[in-house]
Protein backbone atom coordinates (compact mmCIF):
# COMPACT_ATOMS: atom_id res chain seq x y z
CA MET A 1 0.88 -22.12 16.69
CA LYS A 2 4.39 -20.34 15.49
CA VAL A 3 4.43 -16.59 15.24
CA LEU A 4 7.31 -13.95 13.86
CA ALA A 5 6.44 -10.59 15.03
CA ILE A 6 8.30 -8.31 12.65
CA ILE A 7 8.63 -4.51 14.29
CA HIS A 8 9.99 -1.22 12.24
CA GLY A 9 13.44 -0.66 14.18
CA ALA A 10 13.34 2.72 13.39
CA ARG A 11 10.16 3.09 15.08
CA LYS A 12 8.38 3.87 18.13
CA ILE A 13 6.20 1.23 19.53
CA ASP A 14 2.95 2.48 21.36
CA ALA A 15 2.59 1.39 24.74
CA THR A 16 -0.99 -0.97 23.72
CA TYR A 17 1.01 -2.81 21.58
CA LYS A 18 3.75 -3.33 23.96
CA ARG A 19 1.61 -4.75 26.23
CA PHE A 20 -0.17 -6.66 23.80
CA LEU A 21 3.71 -8.15 22.90
CA ALA A 22 4.17 -9.04 26.52
CA THR A 23 0.75 -10.91 26.28
CA CYS A 24 1.85 -12.82 23.01
CA GLN A 25 4.92 -13.39 24.58
CA GLU A 26 3.16 -14.80 28.28
CA ASP A 27 0.91 -17.21 26.39
CA ILE A 28 2.48 -20.97 26.23
CA THR A 29 0.22 -21.56 23.60
CA LEU A 30 2.29 -19.56 20.83
CA ASN A 31 6.24 -19.66 19.94
CA LEU A 32 6.80 -16.20 19.25
CA SER A 33 9.99 -14.77 18.10
CA ILE A 34 10.35 -11.10 17.71
CA GLU A 35 13.06 -9.47 14.86
CA TYR A 36 13.33 -5.88 14.44
CA THR A 37 14.26 -4.28 11.04
CA SER A 38 17.37 -2.59 10.78
CA ARG A 39 17.90 -1.33 7.33
CA ILE A 40 15.77 -1.01 3.60
CA GLY A 41 14.65 -4.81 2.59
CA HIS A 42 14.93 -6.44 5.83
CA ALA A 43 11.73 -7.25 6.21
CA SER A 44 11.44 -8.78 2.93
CA ALA A 45 14.11 -10.87 3.66
CA LEU A 46 12.58 -12.29 7.39
CA ALA A 47 9.10 -12.86 5.43
CA SER A 48 10.97 -14.83 2.87
CA GLU A 49 12.56 -16.57 5.24
CA ALA A 50 9.52 -16.79 7.35
CA LYS A 51 7.22 -18.67 4.96
CA GLY A 52 6.45 -22.41 5.36
CA ASN A 53 7.99 -22.15 8.92
CA VAL A 54 5.76 -20.10 11.08
CA ASP A 55 1.56 -20.25 11.28
CA LEU A 56 1.41 -15.96 11.88
CA ILE A 57 3.32 -12.68 11.08
CA ILE A 58 2.98 -9.76 13.19
CA ILE A 59 4.24 -6.59 11.39
CA HIS A 60 4.37 -3.61 13.71
CA GLY A 61 5.16 -0.50 10.58
CA GLY A 62 3.17 1.33 8.23
CA ASP A 63 2.31 0.97 4.71
CA GLY A 64 6.33 0.61 3.67
CA LEU A 65 6.82 -2.09 6.02
CA ILE A 66 3.55 -4.05 4.85
CA ASN A 67 5.01 -4.15 1.65
CA GLU A 68 8.17 -5.43 2.26
CA VAL A 69 6.56 -8.39 3.96
CA VAL A 70 3.94 -8.93 1.01
CA ASN A 71 7.34 -8.94 -1.32
CA GLY A 72 8.92 -11.05 0.80
CA LEU A 73 6.22 -13.69 0.53
CA CYS A 74 5.22 -13.61 -2.73
CA ALA A 75 9.05 -14.54 -3.49
CA ASN A 76 8.53 -17.77 -2.87
CA LYS A 77 5.58 -20.36 -3.82
CA GLY A 78 4.21 -22.32 -1.25
CA LEU A 79 1.12 -20.82 1.51
CA ASN A 80 1.91 -17.80 2.82
CA PRO A 81 1.29 -17.28 6.90
CA LYS A 82 -1.39 -15.10 8.12
CA VAL A 83 -0.75 -11.96 8.59
CA PHE A 84 -1.84 -9.61 11.61
CA ILE A 85 -1.26 -5.72 11.49
CA LEU A 86 -0.99 -3.06 14.59
CA PRO A 87 -0.41 0.19 12.57
CA GLY A 88 2.61 2.04 13.39
CA GLY A 89 3.39 4.19 9.90
CA THR A 90 2.98 7.78 9.45
CA GLY A 91 0.03 7.19 6.67
CA ASN A 92 -1.38 3.65 7.86
CA ASP A 93 -3.59 3.93 5.16
CA PHE A 94 -3.97 -0.03 4.09
CA ILE A 95 -5.04 -0.69 7.51
CA ARG A 96 -8.11 2.14 7.21
CA ASN A 97 -9.60 -0.14 4.82
CA PHE A 98 -10.36 -2.72 7.91
CA LYS A 99 -12.44 -2.42 11.11
CA GLN A 100 -9.31 -3.05 13.61
CA SER A 101 -10.07 -5.85 16.69
CA PRO A 102 -9.96 -4.99 19.97
CA LEU A 103 -6.61 -6.17 21.19
CA PHE A 104 -7.45 -7.15 25.31
CA GLU A 105 -10.85 -8.94 24.46
CA THR A 106 -9.62 -12.40 24.10
CA LYS A 107 -6.32 -14.31 24.55
CA PRO A 108 -4.08 -13.71 21.40
CA PHE A 109 -4.45 -17.23 20.55
CA VAL A 110 -7.89 -16.77 20.00
CA LEU A 111 -7.36 -14.01 18.19
CA PHE A 112 -4.92 -15.12 15.82
CA HIS A 113 -7.24 -17.89 14.74
CA ARG A 114 -10.59 -16.46 13.22
CA GLN A 115 -10.97 -16.07 9.89
CA GLY A 116 -9.25 -12.96 8.69
CA THR A 117 -10.00 -11.08 5.60
CA LYS A 118 -8.68 -12.83 2.13
CA ILE A 119 -7.09 -10.88 -0.65
CA HIS A 120 -5.43 -11.52 -3.78
CA ILE A 121 -2.22 -10.25 -4.11
CA PRO A 122 -2.07 -7.42 -6.97
CA PHE A 123 1.53 -7.06 -9.12
CA CYS A 124 2.97 -4.04 -10.84
CA GLN A 125 5.99 -5.10 -13.72
CA THR A 126 8.07 -2.54 -15.22
CA GLU A 127 11.20 -3.02 -17.27
CA ARG A 128 13.44 -3.39 -14.56
CA GLU A 129 10.99 -5.41 -11.69
CA ILE A 130 8.13 -6.74 -10.20
CA ARG A 131 6.39 -4.96 -7.73
CA PHE A 132 3.65 -6.52 -5.56
CA PHE A 133 1.52 -4.72 -3.26
CA ILE A 134 -1.38 -5.07 -1.73
CA ASN A 135 -3.42 -1.40 -1.52
CA ILE A 136 -2.77 1.35 -4.29
CA SER A 137 -0.56 1.84 -6.67
CA ASP A 138 -0.22 4.66 -9.29
CA VAL A 139 1.55 6.40 -12.15
CA GLY A 140 2.16 10.22 -13.05
CA PHE A 141 1.89 12.58 -9.70
CA GLY A 142 1.72 10.21 -6.47
CA GLY A 143 4.97 8.83 -8.15
CA HIS A 144 6.79 12.54 -8.54
CA VAL A 145 4.94 13.51 -4.48
CA VAL A 146 6.80 9.69 -3.15
CA ASN A 147 9.95 11.41 -4.88
CA ALA A 148 9.63 14.74 -3.22
CA LEU A 149 8.58 12.91 0.20
CA ASN A 150 11.71 11.36 0.59
CA TYR A 151 13.45 14.82 0.75
CA PHE A 152 10.86 16.58 2.83
CA ARG A 153 10.73 13.79 5.49
CA LYS A 154 14.95 13.89 5.57
CA THR A 155 14.15 17.86 5.94
CA TYR A 156 10.98 18.73 7.98
CA GLY A 157 10.53 15.44 9.49
CA THR A 158 7.24 13.44 9.18
CA ASN A 159 4.45 15.04 10.46
CA SER A 160 4.30 18.04 7.54
CA ALA A 161 6.20 16.46 4.96
CA TYR A 162 3.72 14.98 2.95
CA ILE A 163 1.82 18.13 2.60
CA LEU A 164 4.83 19.85 1.76
CA ALA A 165 5.75 17.04 -0.99
CA VAL A 166 2.23 17.50 -2.56
CA LEU A 167 2.52 21.27 -3.07
CA ARG A 168 6.43 20.96 -4.61
CA THR A 169 4.79 18.51 -6.99
CA PHE A 170 1.89 20.43 -7.79
CA VAL A 171 4.15 23.88 -8.75
CA SER A 172 6.70 21.26 -10.59
CA TYR A 173 4.69 18.41 -12.07
CA LYS A 174 3.41 18.59 -15.72
CA ALA A 175 1.50 15.86 -16.89
CA ASN A 176 2.60 13.25 -19.21
CA THR A 177 0.87 12.21 -22.72
CA ILE A 178 0.32 8.08 -21.60
CA THR A 179 -0.93 5.51 -23.71
CA LEU A 180 -3.45 3.46 -21.70
CA LYS A 181 -4.79 0.20 -22.43
CA PHE A 182 -7.58 -1.69 -19.72
CA ASN A 183 -10.93 -4.12 -20.90
CA GLU A 184 -11.26 -3.12 -24.64
CA THR A 185 -10.10 0.50 -23.84
CA HIS A 186 -7.05 2.43 -25.22
CA MET A 187 -6.34 6.27 -24.12
CA GLU A 188 -3.72 8.29 -25.33
CA GLN A 189 -2.93 11.64 -23.45
CA PRO A 190 -1.64 13.67 -21.07
CA PHE A 191 -2.51 12.01 -17.60
CA PHE A 192 -2.02 14.13 -14.44
CA MET A 193 -2.86 10.33 -12.42
CA ILE A 194 -3.74 6.98 -13.06
CA ALA A 195 -4.56 5.16 -10.02
CA VAL A 196 -4.87 1.37 -9.77
CA CYS A 197 -6.67 0.81 -6.70
CA HIS A 198 -7.02 -2.69 -4.73
CA GLY A 199 -8.25 -0.09 -1.46
CA ALA A 200 -9.54 2.60 -1.26
CA VAL A 201 -7.31 4.97 1.28
CA PHE A 202 -3.81 6.52 0.26
CA GLY A 203 -1.95 9.59 0.51
CA ASN A 204 -2.58 9.68 4.55
CA GLY A 205 -6.33 9.01 4.33
CA MET A 206 -7.79 10.47 1.49
CA VAL A 207 -10.26 7.90 -0.13
CA ILE A 208 -9.50 7.85 -3.74
CA ALA A 209 -11.60 4.89 -4.51
CA PRO A 210 -14.48 4.79 -2.05
CA GLY A 211 -16.24 1.50 -1.79
CA LYS A 212 -12.97 -0.08 -3.38
CA HIS A 213 -12.11 -2.93 -0.56
CA PRO A 214 -8.94 -5.51 -0.71
CA ASN A 215 -10.87 -8.20 -0.43
CA LYS A 216 -12.76 -7.59 -4.33
CA SER A 217 -10.14 -9.06 -6.49
CA TYR A 218 -10.55 -6.31 -9.35
CA PHE A 219 -9.11 -2.78 -9.90
CA GLU A 220 -10.79 0.53 -8.96
CA LEU A 221 -9.06 2.61 -11.70
CA VAL A 222 -9.52 5.96 -11.16
CA ILE A 223 -8.09 8.36 -13.99
CA LEU A 224 -7.16 12.06 -13.68
CA GLY A 225 -6.64 14.00 -16.61
CA ASP A 226 -4.68 17.44 -16.94
CA VAL A 227 -6.13 18.64 -13.54
CA THR A 228 -5.14 21.74 -11.44
CA LEU A 229 -4.10 22.71 -7.94
CA TRP A 230 -7.26 24.77 -8.36
CA ASP A 231 -9.31 21.23 -9.04
CA TYR A 232 -7.12 19.49 -6.13
CA LEU A 233 -7.97 21.93 -2.91
CA LYS A 234 -11.67 21.77 -4.01
CA ASN A 235 -12.13 18.51 -3.72
CA LEU A 236 -9.86 17.63 -0.96
CA TRP A 237 -13.12 17.26 1.59
CA LYS A 238 -14.72 15.19 -1.15
CA LEU A 239 -11.17 13.04 -0.75
CA LYS A 240 -11.21 12.81 3.00
CA ARG A 241 -14.61 12.18 3.11
CA GLY A 242 -15.05 9.68 0.97
CA VAL A 243 -17.29 10.98 -1.65
CA ARG A 244 -16.80 10.63 -5.40
CA ILE A 245 -15.82 13.54 -7.27
CA ARG A 246 -17.98 14.73 -10.69
CA HIS A 247 -15.52 16.61 -12.83
CA PRO A 248 -14.80 16.08 -16.35
CA LYS A 249 -11.41 15.07 -16.68
CA ILE A 250 -11.85 12.77 -13.41
CA HIS A 251 -13.13 9.17 -14.40
CA TYR A 252 -13.37 6.04 -12.64
CA TYR A 253 -13.38 2.13 -14.05
CA GLN A 254 -13.04 -1.60 -13.09
CA THR A 255 -10.51 -4.02 -14.66
CA THR A 256 -8.57 -6.82 -13.50
CA SER A 257 -5.52 -5.49 -15.68
CA LEU A 258 -3.88 -2.61 -17.51
CA GLN A 259 -0.98 -1.22 -19.08
CA ILE A 260 0.36 2.01 -19.01
CA ARG A 261 3.02 3.27 -21.46
CA SER A 262 5.32 6.06 -22.39
CA SER A 263 6.87 6.54 -25.32
CA SER A 264 9.26 8.92 -24.84
CA GLN A 265 10.59 9.75 -21.04
CA GLU A 266 10.44 7.51 -18.14
CA LEU A 267 7.44 7.74 -15.65
CA LEU A 268 7.45 7.83 -12.20
CA GLY A 269 4.74 5.83 -9.74
CA GLU A 270 4.62 4.20 -6.57
CA ALA A 271 3.02 0.80 -4.45
CA ASP A 272 2.16 1.30 -1.09
CA GLY A 273 3.97 3.79 -0.91
CA GLU A 274 7.06 2.71 -2.74
CA ALA A 275 8.79 4.38 -5.63
CA LEU A 276 8.88 2.77 -9.19
CA ASP A 277 9.88 4.06 -12.33
CA GLY A 278 9.87 2.80 -15.96
CA LYS A 279 8.53 3.35 -19.46
CA VAL A 280 5.68 0.46 -19.37
CA PHE A 281 3.99 -0.31 -16.26
CA THR A 282 1.84 -3.71 -16.39
CA TYR A 283 -0.93 -4.36 -13.69
CA GLY A 284 -2.39 -7.74 -12.91
CA PHE A 285 -3.05 -9.95 -10.17
CA SER A 286 -1.11 -13.06 -9.07
CA THR A 287 -1.75 -16.39 -7.61
CA GLU A 288 -0.55 -15.33 -4.32
CA THR A 289 -3.22 -14.65 -1.58
CA LEU A 290 -2.79 -13.48 1.84
CA GLU A 291 -5.31 -13.99 5.16
CA VAL A 292 -5.10 -10.78 7.15
CA LEU A 293 -6.09 -9.90 10.52
CA CYS A 294 -6.29 -6.32 12.42
């Protein structure tokens, strides 16, 4: 079995995962190679090259690295290798949708041959690019948080950066008037955020779409109207516990495609924590599938 491990080059590897990778190297039934990323886009390039040449990719990193691998795989046609995720990021939100396997109860070869979870890969297309994602994308507030997050990570480190970015964005962000089309619905109003959820969890553990699992091939659409900082703080415990929020300006829908459009200023968005921008965001499902193990 040919296996490629893509390791985030700037992240510290937990001792348990070091031991697991060493066990994989010792397993004579596995042909394992290990690559450490050294730049943005490196994981995409490695995954793209590996497609059709390996049976499984081990990913050690966070949601951003997983997103890079997904985009690298989806850049080429053909059957995707399985992916096995060892969480090593700050939020690790995608992996929260799954129950992790004990690493040392069986040999890696047996673990890697288990049936994984099949996921249909969605996409977001703007005027500039098509971005595949595997967990959650949003337009509005979340895009501005990601923009602020890059600054706070450099200044204050990763531990406190997210909450600082959220608070700063609440102070400065103003809901934009957006046109939203999905199913037979047409809305045009100020939206605080439109979250397109393939998984349930984002934002460092906030369960924005309770009950949504990536193995279900539809989007849980979570629409927030012009809500306030007080609304957010008052309902934060519900987001942490996975409880649906009952609020006149918060609504949940299901769809397999949608379009978000601004007639004036550009919008900021994000997909799996990676920044997006444009005036038109079109969402749907690609023909690509991925079998996920963890």
